[in-house]
Amino acid sequence: GYATWLFWDGRRDSLWAQALGPLENAGEHGGNRTM
């Protein structure tokens, strides 16, 4: 919660934006927002 940049490469700028990435990533959760 203290971080300005998230992920190893800082490709997200908030914890909530970071959390959304894996959910629709085909190799991680593999789902989609309507589901």
PDB file of all heavy atoms in Angstrom:
ATOM      1  N   GLY A   1       0.793  -1.220   0.000  1.00  0.00           N
ATOM      2  CA  GLY A   1       0.000   0.000   0.000  1.00  0.00           C
ATOM      3  C   GLY A   1       0.826   1.270   0.000  1.00  0.00           C
ATOM      4  O   GLY A   1       0.307   2.365  -0.259  1.00  0.00           O
ATOM      5  N   TYR A   2       2.129   1.160   0.282  1.00  0.00           N
ATOM      6  CA  TYR A   2       3.022   2.325   0.260  1.00  0.00           C
ATOM      7  C   TYR A   2       3.621   2.569  -1.130  1.00  0.00           C
ATOM      8  O   TYR A   2       4.244   3.610  -1.357  1.00  0.00           O
ATOM      9  CB  TYR A   2       4.169   2.132   1.249  1.00  0.00           C
ATOM     10  CG  TYR A   2       3.750   2.207   2.691  1.00  0.00           C
ATOM     11  CD1 TYR A   2       3.398   1.061   3.392  1.00  0.00           C
ATOM     12  CD2 TYR A   2       3.703   3.428   3.356  1.00  0.00           C
ATOM     13  CE1 TYR A   2       3.011   1.124   4.727  1.00  0.00           C
ATOM     14  CE2 TYR A   2       3.316   3.505   4.690  1.00  0.00           C
ATOM     15  CZ  TYR A   2       2.974   2.344   5.364  1.00  0.00           C
ATOM     16  OH  TYR A   2       2.584   2.417   6.678  1.00  0.00           O
ATOM     17  N   ALA A   3       3.465   1.627  -2.035  1.00  0.00           N
ATOM     18  CA  ALA A   3       4.186   1.687  -3.305  1.00  0.00           C
ATOM     19  C   ALA A   3       3.564   2.673  -4.281  1.00  0.00           C
ATOM     20  O   ALA A   3       2.336   2.770  -4.404  1.00  0.00           O
ATOM     21  CB  ALA A   3       4.243   0.301  -3.940  1.00  0.00           C
ATOM     22  N   THR A   4       4.402   3.390  -4.983  1.00  0.00           N
ATOM     23  CA  THR A   4       3.948   4.257  -6.066  1.00  0.00           C
ATOM     24  C   THR A   4       3.768   3.460  -7.343  1.00  0.00           C
ATOM     25  O   THR A   4       2.830   3.697  -8.107  1.00  0.00           O
ATOM     26  CB  THR A   4       4.978   5.379  -6.310  1.00  0.00           C
ATOM     27  OG1 THR A   4       5.120   6.140  -5.111  1.00  0.00           O
ATOM     28  CG2 THR A   4       4.543   6.300  -7.442  1.00  0.00           C
ATOM     29  N   TRP A   5       4.686   2.524  -7.583  1.00  0.00           N
ATOM     30  CA  TRP A   5       4.652   1.703  -8.799  1.00  0.00           C
ATOM     31  C   TRP A   5       4.544   0.240  -8.392  1.00  0.00           C
ATOM     32  O   TRP A   5       5.199  -0.206  -7.462  1.00  0.00           O
ATOM     33  CB  TRP A   5       5.915   1.919  -9.643  1.00  0.00           C
ATOM     34  CG  TRP A   5       6.217   3.360  -9.896  1.00  0.00           C
ATOM     35  CD1 TRP A   5       7.256   4.086  -9.396  1.00  0.00           C
ATOM     36  CD2 TRP A   5       5.474   4.268 -10.719  1.00  0.00           C
ATOM     37  NE1 TRP A   5       7.205   5.374  -9.840  1.00  0.00           N
ATOM     38  CE2 TRP A   5       6.121   5.520 -10.665  1.00  0.00           C
ATOM     39  CE3 TRP A   5       4.326   4.139 -11.500  1.00  0.00           C
ATOM     40  CZ2 TRP A   5       5.650   6.631 -11.351  1.00  0.00           C
ATOM     41  CZ3 TRP A   5       3.860   5.251 -12.179  1.00  0.00           C
ATOM     42  CH2 TRP A   5       4.519   6.473 -12.111  1.00  0.00           C
ATOM     43  N   LEU A   6       3.739  -0.520  -9.126  1.00  0.00           N
ATOM     44  CA  LEU A   6       3.493  -1.923  -8.828  1.00  0.00           C
ATOM     45  C   LEU A   6       4.027  -2.824  -9.932  1.00  0.00           C
ATOM     46  O   LEU A   6       4.150  -2.399 -11.077  1.00  0.00           O
ATOM     47  CB  LEU A   6       1.992  -2.174  -8.642  1.00  0.00           C
ATOM     48  CG  LEU A   6       1.332  -1.733  -7.326  1.00  0.00           C
ATOM     49  CD1 LEU A   6       1.997  -2.409  -6.125  1.00  0.00           C
ATOM     50  CD2 LEU A   6       1.335  -0.228  -7.151  1.00  0.00           C
ATOM     51  N   PHE A   7       4.290  -4.065  -9.576  1.00  0.00           N
ATOM     52  CA  PHE A   7       4.942  -5.074 -10.398  1.00  0.00           C
ATOM     53  C   PHE A   7       6.444  -4.788 -10.441  1.00  0.00           C
ATOM     54  O   PHE A   7       6.911  -3.701 -10.079  1.00  0.00           O
ATOM     55  CB  PHE A   7       4.381  -5.142 -11.824  1.00  0.00           C
ATOM     56  CG  PHE A   7       2.987  -5.709 -11.936  1.00  0.00           C
ATOM     57  CD1 PHE A   7       1.931  -4.915 -12.370  1.00  0.00           C
ATOM     58  CD2 PHE A   7       2.718  -7.031 -11.627  1.00  0.00           C
ATOM     59  CE1 PHE A   7       0.649  -5.430 -12.495  1.00  0.00           C
ATOM     60  CE2 PHE A   7       1.440  -7.552 -11.745  1.00  0.00           C
ATOM     61  CZ  PHE A   7       0.404  -6.753 -12.174  1.00  0.00           C
ATOM     62  N   TRP A   8       7.190  -5.776 -10.887  1.00  0.00           N
ATOM     63  CA  TRP A   8       8.651  -5.643 -10.968  1.00  0.00           C
ATOM     64  C   TRP A   8       9.060  -4.465 -11.861  1.00  0.00           C
ATOM     65  O   TRP A   8      10.094  -3.846 -11.650  1.00  0.00           O
ATOM     66  CB  TRP A   8       9.256  -6.927 -11.537  1.00  0.00           C
ATOM     67  CG  TRP A   8       9.301  -8.079 -10.585  1.00  0.00           C
ATOM     68  CD1 TRP A   8       8.403  -9.109 -10.475  1.00  0.00           C
ATOM     69  CD2 TRP A   8      10.310  -8.334  -9.598  1.00  0.00           C
ATOM     70  NE1 TRP A   8       8.786  -9.975  -9.480  1.00  0.00           N
ATOM     71  CE2 TRP A   8       9.955  -9.538  -8.925  1.00  0.00           C
ATOM     72  CE3 TRP A   8      11.472  -7.672  -9.221  1.00  0.00           C
ATOM     73  CZ2 TRP A   8      10.731 -10.085  -7.895  1.00  0.00           C
ATOM     74  CZ3 TRP A   8      12.244  -8.208  -8.203  1.00  0.00           C
ATOM     75  CH2 TRP A   8      11.883  -9.401  -7.548  1.00  0.00           C
ATOM     76  N   ASP A   9       8.238  -4.185 -12.880  1.00  0.00           N
ATOM     77  CA  ASP A   9       8.591  -3.138 -13.844  1.00  0.00           C
ATOM     78  C   ASP A   9       7.789  -1.862 -13.655  1.00  0.00           C
ATOM     79  O   ASP A   9       7.895  -0.932 -14.446  1.00  0.00           O
ATOM     80  CB  ASP A   9       8.420  -3.654 -15.277  1.00  0.00           C
ATOM     81  CG  ASP A   9       7.005  -4.157 -15.570  1.00  0.00           C
ATOM     82  OD1 ASP A   9       6.118  -4.007 -14.702  1.00  0.00           O
ATOM     83  OD2 ASP A   9       6.797  -4.719 -16.670  1.00  0.00           O
ATOM     84  N   GLY A  10       6.937  -1.800 -12.613  1.00  0.00           N
ATOM     85  CA  GLY A  10       6.171  -0.590 -12.349  1.00  0.00           C
ATOM     86  C   GLY A  10       5.132  -0.270 -13.397  1.00  0.00           C
ATOM     87  O   GLY A  10       4.809   0.899 -13.627  1.00  0.00           O
ATOM     88  N   ARG A  11       4.552  -1.295 -14.015  1.00  0.00           N
ATOM     89  CA  ARG A  11       3.609  -1.035 -15.113  1.00  0.00           C
ATOM     90  C   ARG A  11       2.206  -0.675 -14.643  1.00  0.00           C
ATOM     91  O   ARG A  11       1.306  -0.468 -15.471  1.00  0.00           O
ATOM     92  CB  ARG A  11       3.564  -2.218 -16.069  1.00  0.00           C
ATOM     93  CG  ARG A  11       2.998  -3.509 -15.511  1.00  0.00           C
ATOM     94  CD  ARG A  11       3.088  -4.622 -16.557  1.00  0.00           C
ATOM     95  NE  ARG A  11       2.496  -5.874 -16.105  1.00  0.00           N
ATOM     96  CZ  ARG A  11       3.122  -6.796 -15.403  1.00  0.00           C
ATOM     97  NH1 ARG A  11       4.389  -6.607 -15.036  1.00  0.00           N
ATOM     98  NH2 ARG A  11       2.503  -7.923 -15.058  1.00  0.00           N
ATOM     99  N   ARG A  12       1.976  -0.617 -13.343  1.00  0.00           N
ATOM    100  CA  ARG A  12       0.721  -0.131 -12.782  1.00  0.00           C
ATOM    101  C   ARG A  12       1.047   0.896 -11.699  1.00  0.00           C
ATOM    102  O   ARG A  12       2.096   0.824 -11.048  1.00  0.00           O
ATOM    103  CB  ARG A  12      -0.106  -1.275 -12.189  1.00  0.00           C
ATOM    104  CG  ARG A  12      -0.567  -2.316 -13.215  1.00  0.00           C
ATOM    105  CD  ARG A  12      -1.594  -1.752 -14.171  1.00  0.00           C
ATOM    106  NE  ARG A  12      -2.103  -2.770 -15.094  1.00  0.00           N
ATOM    107  CZ  ARG A  12      -1.561  -3.053 -16.271  1.00  0.00           C
ATOM    108  NH1 ARG A  12      -0.468  -2.401 -16.681  1.00  0.00           N
ATOM    109  NH2 ARG A  12      -2.090  -3.975 -17.055  1.00  0.00           N
ATOM    110  N   ASP A  13       0.139   1.839 -11.485  1.00  0.00           N
ATOM    111  CA  ASP A  13       0.426   2.918 -10.542  1.00  0.00           C
ATOM    112  C   ASP A  13      -0.528   2.938  -9.349  1.00  0.00           C
ATOM    113  O   ASP A  13      -0.611   3.938  -8.637  1.00  0.00           O
ATOM    114  CB  ASP A  13       0.444   4.278 -11.245  1.00  0.00           C
ATOM    115  CG  ASP A  13      -0.919   4.665 -11.826  1.00  0.00           C
ATOM    116  OD1 ASP A  13      -1.840   3.817 -11.839  1.00  0.00           O
ATOM    117  OD2 ASP A  13      -1.061   5.826 -12.263  1.00  0.00           O
ATOM    118  N   SER A  14      -1.243   1.850  -9.126  1.00  0.00           N
ATOM    119  CA  SER A  14      -2.062   1.720  -7.916  1.00  0.00           C
ATOM    120  C   SER A  14      -2.266   0.236  -7.641  1.00  0.00           C
ATOM    121  O   SER A  14      -2.152  -0.607  -8.551  1.00  0.00           O
ATOM    122  CB  SER A  14      -3.423   2.410  -8.080  1.00  0.00           C
ATOM    123  OG  SER A  14      -4.228   1.691  -8.996  1.00  0.00           O
ATOM    124  N   LEU A  15      -2.595  -0.075  -6.389  1.00  0.00           N
ATOM    125  CA  LEU A  15      -2.849  -1.473  -6.043  1.00  0.00           C
ATOM    126  C   LEU A  15      -4.091  -2.004  -6.747  1.00  0.00           C
ATOM    127  O   LEU A  15      -4.150  -3.175  -7.119  1.00  0.00           O
ATOM    128  CB  LEU A  15      -3.023  -1.601  -4.530  1.00  0.00           C
ATOM    129  CG  LEU A  15      -1.821  -2.072  -3.713  1.00  0.00           C
ATOM    130  CD1 LEU A  15      -2.196  -2.147  -2.237  1.00  0.00           C
ATOM    131  CD2 LEU A  15      -1.303  -3.419  -4.195  1.00  0.00           C
ATOM    132  N   TRP A  16      -5.109  -1.168  -6.935  1.00  0.00           N
ATOM    133  CA  TRP A  16      -6.317  -1.675  -7.590  1.00  0.00           C
ATOM    134  C   TRP A  16      -6.063  -1.949  -9.070  1.00  0.00           C
ATOM    135  O   TRP A  16      -6.560  -2.950  -9.617  1.00  0.00           O
ATOM    136  CB  TRP A  16      -7.510  -0.744  -7.375  1.00  0.00           C
ATOM    137  CG  TRP A  16      -7.437   0.628  -7.983  1.00  0.00           C
ATOM    138  CD1 TRP A  16      -6.979   1.763  -7.388  1.00  0.00           C
ATOM    139  CD2 TRP A  16      -7.872   1.023  -9.295  1.00  0.00           C
ATOM    140  NE1 TRP A  16      -7.090   2.837  -8.246  1.00  0.00           N
ATOM    141  CE2 TRP A  16      -7.652   2.413  -9.418  1.00  0.00           C
ATOM    142  CE3 TRP A  16      -8.447   0.341 -10.367  1.00  0.00           C
ATOM    143  CZ2 TRP A  16      -7.951   3.135 -10.577  1.00  0.00           C
ATOM    144  CZ3 TRP A  16      -8.756   1.043 -11.530  1.00  0.00           C
ATOM    145  CH2 TRP A  16      -8.504   2.424 -11.622  1.00  0.00           C
ATOM    146  N   ALA A  17      -5.290  -1.094  -9.718  1.00  0.00           N
ATOM    147  CA  ALA A  17      -4.959  -1.350 -11.121  1.00  0.00           C
ATOM    148  C   ALA A  17      -4.091  -2.587 -11.249  1.00  0.00           C
ATOM    149  O   ALA A  17      -4.237  -3.380 -12.189  1.00  0.00           O
ATOM    150  CB  ALA A  17      -4.266  -0.132 -11.728  1.00  0.00           C
ATOM    151  N   GLN A  18      -3.167  -2.755 -10.302  1.00  0.00           N
ATOM    152  CA  GLN A  18      -2.322  -3.954 -10.298  1.00  0.00           C
ATOM    153  C   GLN A  18      -3.169  -5.211 -10.172  1.00  0.00           C
ATOM    154  O   GLN A  18      -2.954  -6.211 -10.865  1.00  0.00           O
ATOM    155  CB  GLN A  18      -1.316  -3.871  -9.150  1.00  0.00           C
ATOM    156  CG  GLN A  18      -0.365  -5.056  -9.044  1.00  0.00           C
ATOM    157  CD  GLN A  18      -0.972  -6.255  -8.324  1.00  0.00           C
ATOM    158  OE1 GLN A  18      -1.754  -6.087  -7.398  1.00  0.00           O
ATOM    159  NE2 GLN A  18      -0.616  -7.449  -8.754  1.00  0.00           N
ATOM    160  N   ALA A  19      -4.169  -5.178  -9.276  1.00  0.00           N
ATOM    161  CA  ALA A  19      -4.989  -6.364  -9.030  1.00  0.00           C
ATOM    162  C   ALA A  19      -5.779  -6.787 -10.258  1.00  0.00           C
ATOM    163  O   ALA A  19      -6.081  -7.981 -10.435  1.00  0.00           O
ATOM    164  CB  ALA A  19      -5.941  -6.096  -7.863  1.00  0.00           C
ATOM    165  N   LEU A  20      -6.125  -5.844 -11.118  1.00  0.00           N
ATOM    166  CA  LEU A  20      -6.923  -6.163 -12.292  1.00  0.00           C
ATOM    167  C   LEU A  20      -6.112  -6.888 -13.365  1.00  0.00           C
ATOM    168  O   LEU A  20      -6.670  -7.682 -14.126  1.00  0.00           O
ATOM    169  CB  LEU A  20      -7.529  -4.889 -12.881  1.00  0.00           C
ATOM    170  CG  LEU A  20      -8.557  -4.168 -11.994  1.00  0.00           C
ATOM    171  CD1 LEU A  20      -9.021  -2.884 -12.663  1.00  0.00           C
ATOM    172  CD2 LEU A  20      -9.741  -5.079 -11.696  1.00  0.00           C
ATOM    173  N   GLY A  21      -4.818  -6.627 -13.434  1.00  0.00           N
ATOM    174  CA  GLY A  21      -4.000  -7.221 -14.484  1.00  0.00           C
ATOM    175  C   GLY A  21      -4.060  -8.738 -14.533  1.00  0.00           C
ATOM    176  O   GLY A  21      -4.364  -9.330 -15.587  1.00  0.00           O
ATOM    177  N   PRO A  22      -3.777  -9.432 -13.423  1.00  0.00           N
ATOM    178  CA  PRO A  22      -3.802 -10.899 -13.458  1.00  0.00           C
ATOM    179  C   PRO A  22      -5.173 -11.487 -13.765  1.00  0.00           C
ATOM    180  O   PRO A  22      -5.266 -12.584 -14.329  1.00  0.00           O
ATOM    181  CB  PRO A  22      -3.353 -11.276 -12.036  1.00  0.00           C
ATOM    182  CG  PRO A  22      -2.555 -10.113 -11.562  1.00  0.00           C
ATOM    183  CD  PRO A  22      -3.238  -8.920 -12.158  1.00  0.00           C
ATOM    184  N   LEU A  23      -6.253 -10.789 -13.410  1.00  0.00           N
ATOM    185  CA  LEU A  23      -7.582 -11.362 -13.586  1.00  0.00           C
ATOM    186  C   LEU A  23      -7.906 -11.637 -15.052  1.00  0.00           C
ATOM    187  O   LEU A  23      -8.547 -12.638 -15.387  1.00  0.00           O
ATOM    188  CB  LEU A  23      -8.642 -10.430 -12.986  1.00  0.00           C
ATOM    189  CG  LEU A  23      -8.667 -10.348 -11.458  1.00  0.00           C
ATOM    190  CD1 LEU A  23      -9.628  -9.253 -10.998  1.00  0.00           C
ATOM    191  CD2 LEU A  23      -9.057 -11.685 -10.846  1.00  0.00           C
ATOM    192  N   GLU A  24      -7.466 -10.750 -15.956  1.00  0.00           N
ATOM    193  CA  GLU A  24      -7.733 -10.958 -17.382  1.00  0.00           C
ATOM    194  C   GLU A  24      -6.514 -11.452 -18.146  1.00  0.00           C
ATOM    195  O   GLU A  24      -6.583 -11.631 -19.369  1.00  0.00           O
ATOM    196  CB  GLU A  24      -8.259  -9.661 -18.014  1.00  0.00           C
ATOM    197  CG  GLU A  24      -9.704  -9.359 -17.641  1.00  0.00           C
ATOM    198  CD  GLU A  24     -10.345  -8.284 -18.497  1.00  0.00           C
ATOM    199  OE1 GLU A  24      -9.679  -7.275 -18.813  1.00  0.00           O
ATOM    200  OE2 GLU A  24     -11.528  -8.452 -18.849  1.00  0.00           O
ATOM    201  N   ASN A  25      -5.423 -11.705 -17.442  1.00  0.00           N
ATOM    202  CA  ASN A  25      -4.236 -12.250 -18.097  1.00  0.00           C
ATOM    203  C   ASN A  25      -4.468 -13.730 -18.418  1.00  0.00           C
ATOM    204  O   ASN A  25      -4.829 -14.516 -17.538  1.00  0.00           O
ATOM    205  CB  ASN A  25      -3.019 -12.083 -17.191  1.00  0.00           C
ATOM    206  CG  ASN A  25      -1.737 -12.558 -17.846  1.00  0.00           C
ATOM    207  OD1 ASN A  25      -1.515 -13.743 -18.018  1.00  0.00           O
ATOM    208  ND2 ASN A  25      -0.874 -11.611 -18.202  1.00  0.00           N
ATOM    209  N   ALA A  26      -4.242 -14.118 -19.664  1.00  0.00           N
ATOM    210  CA  ALA A  26      -4.543 -15.484 -20.091  1.00  0.00           C
ATOM    211  C   ALA A  26      -3.754 -16.527 -19.323  1.00  0.00           C
ATOM    212  O   ALA A  26      -4.238 -17.652 -19.111  1.00  0.00           O
ATOM    213  CB  ALA A  26      -4.258 -15.622 -21.589  1.00  0.00           C
ATOM    214  N   GLY A  27      -2.538 -16.183 -18.874  1.00  0.00           N
ATOM    215  CA  GLY A  27      -1.706 -17.147 -18.170  1.00  0.00           C
ATOM    216  C   GLY A  27      -1.915 -17.161 -16.675  1.00  0.00           C
ATOM    217  O   GLY A  27      -1.404 -18.059 -15.990  1.00  0.00           O
ATOM    218  N   GLU A  28      -2.640 -16.173 -16.142  1.00  0.00           N
ATOM    219  CA  GLU A  28      -2.837 -16.106 -14.684  1.00  0.00           C
ATOM    220  C   GLU A  28      -4.248 -16.575 -14.319  1.00  0.00           C
ATOM    221  O   GLU A  28      -4.487 -17.766 -14.200  1.00  0.00           O
ATOM    222  CB  GLU A  28      -2.511 -14.704 -14.195  1.00  0.00           C
ATOM    223  CG  GLU A  28      -1.018 -14.362 -14.438  1.00  0.00           C
ATOM    224  CD  GLU A  28      -0.591 -13.057 -13.825  1.00  0.00           C
ATOM    225  OE1 GLU A  28      -0.701 -12.926 -12.585  1.00  0.00           O
ATOM    226  OE2 GLU A  28      -0.143 -12.173 -14.581  1.00  0.00           O
ATOM    227  N   HIS A  29      -5.219 -15.681 -14.177  1.00  0.00           N
ATOM    228  CA  HIS A  29      -6.580 -16.125 -13.875  1.00  0.00           C
ATOM    229  C   HIS A  29      -7.340 -16.528 -15.135  1.00  0.00           C
ATOM    230  O   HIS A  29      -8.242 -17.358 -15.073  1.00  0.00           O
ATOM    231  CB  HIS A  29      -7.339 -15.022 -13.138  1.00  0.00           C
ATOM    232  CG  HIS A  29      -6.813 -14.756 -11.767  1.00  0.00           C
ATOM    233  ND1 HIS A  29      -7.548 -14.973 -10.624  1.00  0.00           N
ATOM    234  CD2 HIS A  29      -5.608 -14.289 -11.329  1.00  0.00           C
ATOM    235  CE1 HIS A  29      -6.841 -14.648  -9.555  1.00  0.00           C
ATOM    236  NE2 HIS A  29      -5.657 -14.221  -9.966  1.00  0.00           N
ATOM    237  N   GLY A  30      -7.010 -15.900 -16.251  1.00  0.00           N
ATOM    238  CA  GLY A  30      -7.550 -16.322 -17.533  1.00  0.00           C
ATOM    239  C   GLY A  30      -9.011 -16.017 -17.772  1.00  0.00           C
ATOM    240  O   GLY A  30      -9.603 -16.546 -18.719  1.00  0.00           O
ATOM    241  N   GLY A  31      -9.629 -15.171 -16.937  1.00  0.00           N
ATOM    242  CA  GLY A  31     -11.043 -14.855 -17.105  1.00  0.00           C
ATOM    243  C   GLY A  31     -11.244 -13.535 -17.813  1.00  0.00           C
ATOM    244  O   GLY A  31     -10.362 -13.026 -18.504  1.00  0.00           O
ATOM    245  N   ASN A  32     -12.426 -12.947 -17.638  1.00  0.00           N
ATOM    246  CA  ASN A  32     -12.743 -11.679 -18.270  1.00  0.00           C
ATOM    247  C   ASN A  32     -13.774 -10.946 -17.426  1.00  0.00           C
ATOM    248  O   ASN A  32     -14.414 -11.513 -16.537  1.00  0.00           O
ATOM    249  CB  ASN A  32     -13.245 -11.894 -19.697  1.00  0.00           C
ATOM    250  CG  ASN A  32     -14.424 -12.844 -19.744  1.00  0.00           C
ATOM    251  OD1 ASN A  32     -15.528 -12.493 -19.328  1.00  0.00           O
ATOM    252  ND2 ASN A  32     -14.183 -14.060 -20.235  1.00  0.00           N
ATOM    253  N   ARG A  33     -13.942  -9.676 -17.708  1.00  0.00           N
ATOM    254  CA  ARG A  33     -14.706  -8.822 -16.796  1.00  0.00           C
ATOM    255  C   ARG A  33     -16.196  -9.138 -16.742  1.00  0.00           C
ATOM    256  O   ARG A  33     -16.814  -8.996 -15.678  1.00  0.00           O
ATOM    257  CB  ARG A  33     -14.437  -7.348 -17.114  1.00  0.00           C
ATOM    258  CG  ARG A  33     -14.735  -6.888 -18.508  1.00  0.00           C
ATOM    259  CD  ARG A  33     -14.113  -5.519 -18.795  1.00  0.00           C
ATOM    260  NE  ARG A  33     -12.643  -5.581 -18.837  1.00  0.00           N
ATOM    261  CZ  ARG A  33     -11.863  -4.522 -19.126  1.00  0.00           C
ATOM    262  NH1 ARG A  33     -12.406  -3.340 -19.383  1.00  0.00           N
ATOM    263  NH2 ARG A  33     -10.555  -4.661 -19.154  1.00  0.00           N
ATOM    264  N   THR A  34     -16.802  -9.582 -17.842  1.00  0.00           N
ATOM    265  CA  THR A  34     -18.212  -9.929 -17.765  1.00  0.00           C
ATOM    266  C   THR A  34     -18.421 -11.188 -16.920  1.00  0.00           C
ATOM    267  O   THR A  34     -19.343 -11.264 -16.103  1.00  0.00           O
ATOM    268  CB  THR A  34     -18.804 -10.135 -19.176  1.00  0.00           C
ATOM    269  OG1 THR A  34     -18.552  -8.973 -19.960  1.00  0.00           O
ATOM    270  CG2 THR A  34     -20.290 -10.387 -19.112  1.00  0.00           C
ATOM    271  N   MET A  35     -17.546 -12.153 -17.081  1.00  0.00           N
ATOM    272  CA  MET A  35     -17.595 -13.363 -16.259  1.00  0.00           C
ATOM    273  C   MET A  35     -17.495 -13.015 -14.776  1.00  0.00           C
ATOM    274  O   MET A  35     -18.262 -13.520 -13.938  1.00  0.00           O
ATOM    275  CB  MET A  35     -16.438 -14.274 -16.663  1.00  0.00           C
ATOM    276  CG  MET A  35     -16.180 -15.443 -15.731  1.00  0.00           C
ATOM    277  SD  MET A  35     -14.621 -16.254 -16.160  1.00  0.00           S
ATOM    278  CE  MET A  35     -14.106 -16.808 -14.542  1.00  0.00           C
TER     279      MET A  35
END
